[in-house]
Amino acid sequence: MLHLIMSSPVKLDIDYLETFIGQADDILLLQDAVYGGVANNHYFSKLVARKHSGLYVLQEDAQARGITALLGPKFQIISYQQFVELTVKHSKQITW
């Protein structure tokens, strides 16, 4: 499953969200959710510690917020084309 997280981490119930994310799932941070990809933040710390791959941040949204250089090493920065490829890879998606 592909989890599209669009809301700021401040507005999410992270513990609730994490109960739905499996090891094989991919996570893409979009819009204000990209702040959750900043290195050493506490919002997604449990999730980042548990997932070894499948963590993505949309490049355009990170650039628009000026945080590209601040993203943690486990997050892969992807383009819109790669975003489309993720949606093709996953027949099931959920938006948070």
Protein backbone atom coordinates (compact mmCIF):
# COMPACT_ATOMS: atom_id res chain seq x y z
CA MET A 1 0.00 0.00 0.00
CA LEU A 2 1.09 3.57 -0.67
CA HIS A 3 0.47 6.05 2.15
CA LEU A 4 0.23 9.63 0.92
CA ILE A 5 0.74 11.89 3.91
CA MET A 6 -0.23 15.47 3.12
CA SER A 7 -0.95 17.11 6.47
CA SER A 8 1.60 18.71 8.72
CA PRO A 9 2.92 16.21 11.29
CA VAL A 10 1.65 18.59 13.98
CA LYS A 11 -1.93 17.92 12.85
CA LEU A 12 -1.67 14.11 12.59
CA ASP A 13 -2.24 11.42 15.18
CA ILE A 14 1.07 9.74 14.40
CA ASP A 15 0.51 6.77 16.73
CA TYR A 16 -2.81 6.00 15.04
CA LEU A 17 -1.32 6.40 11.56
CA GLU A 18 1.60 4.09 12.37
CA THR A 19 -0.76 1.23 13.25
CA PHE A 20 -1.81 1.05 9.59
CA ILE A 21 1.66 1.08 8.02
CA GLY A 22 3.19 -2.29 7.24
CA GLN A 23 6.82 -3.12 6.50
CA ALA A 24 6.13 -3.55 2.77
CA ASP A 25 4.22 -0.26 2.51
CA ASP A 26 5.68 2.88 0.96
CA ILE A 27 5.20 6.34 2.46
CA LEU A 28 5.27 9.58 0.49
CA LEU A 29 5.34 12.93 2.26
CA LEU A 30 3.64 15.72 0.30
CA GLN A 31 2.69 19.35 0.94
CA ASP A 32 3.21 20.28 4.63
CA ALA A 33 3.92 16.67 5.58
CA VAL A 34 7.44 17.10 4.16
CA TYR A 35 8.39 18.73 7.47
CA GLY A 36 8.14 15.24 8.94
CA GLY A 37 11.15 14.23 6.86
CA VAL A 38 13.51 16.70 8.55
CA ALA A 39 16.36 14.83 10.22
CA ASN A 40 16.04 14.13 13.95
CA ASN A 41 12.47 15.40 14.29
CA HIS A 42 10.31 13.61 16.81
CA TYR A 43 7.12 13.35 14.75
CA PHE A 44 7.98 10.33 12.63
CA SER A 45 10.89 9.07 14.77
CA LYS A 46 9.33 5.68 15.61
CA LEU A 47 8.26 5.13 12.02
CA VAL A 48 11.67 6.10 10.61
CA ALA A 49 13.44 3.85 13.12
CA ARG A 50 11.27 0.89 12.12
CA LYS A 51 11.27 1.35 8.33
CA HIS A 52 14.44 0.69 6.39
CA SER A 53 13.11 1.64 2.96
CA GLY A 54 10.04 3.04 1.28
CA LEU A 55 10.23 6.56 2.75
CA TYR A 56 9.86 9.31 0.15
CA VAL A 57 9.54 13.09 0.01
CA LEU A 58 8.27 14.97 -3.04
CA GLN A 59 11.12 17.15 -4.28
CA GLU A 60 9.01 20.12 -5.33
CA ASP A 61 7.27 20.36 -1.95
CA ALA A 62 10.56 20.12 -0.01
CA GLN A 63 12.14 22.76 -2.25
CA ALA A 64 9.14 25.08 -1.89
CA ARG A 65 9.58 24.96 1.88
CA GLY A 66 13.37 25.29 1.76
CA ILE A 67 14.08 22.07 3.64
CA THR A 68 15.71 19.84 1.02
CA ALA A 69 19.12 19.98 2.72
CA LEU A 70 17.53 19.21 6.11
CA LEU A 71 15.90 15.89 5.19
CA GLY A 72 16.92 12.74 7.02
CA PRO A 73 19.05 10.11 5.27
CA LYS A 74 16.29 7.48 5.17
CA PHE A 75 14.05 9.71 3.04
CA GLN A 76 14.49 9.54 -0.72
CA ILE A 77 13.66 12.72 -2.60
CA ILE A 78 11.55 11.95 -5.66
CA SER A 79 10.13 13.81 -8.65
CA TYR A 80 6.55 13.91 -9.89
CA GLN A 81 7.45 11.20 -12.44
CA GLN A 82 8.65 8.92 -9.62
CA PHE A 83 5.47 9.76 -7.70
CA VAL A 84 3.46 8.47 -10.65
CA GLU A 85 5.60 5.32 -10.70
CA LEU A 86 4.80 4.72 -7.01
CA THR A 87 1.08 5.01 -7.73
CA VAL A 88 1.42 2.46 -10.52
CA LYS A 89 3.39 0.13 -8.22
CA HIS A 90 0.67 0.23 -5.54
CA SER A 91 -2.90 -0.61 -6.52
CA LYS A 92 -4.04 0.47 -3.04
CA GLN A 93 -3.41 3.94 -1.67
CA ILE A 94 -4.57 5.93 1.30
CA THR A 95 -4.28 9.67 1.89
CA TRP A 96 -3.71 11.05 5.36
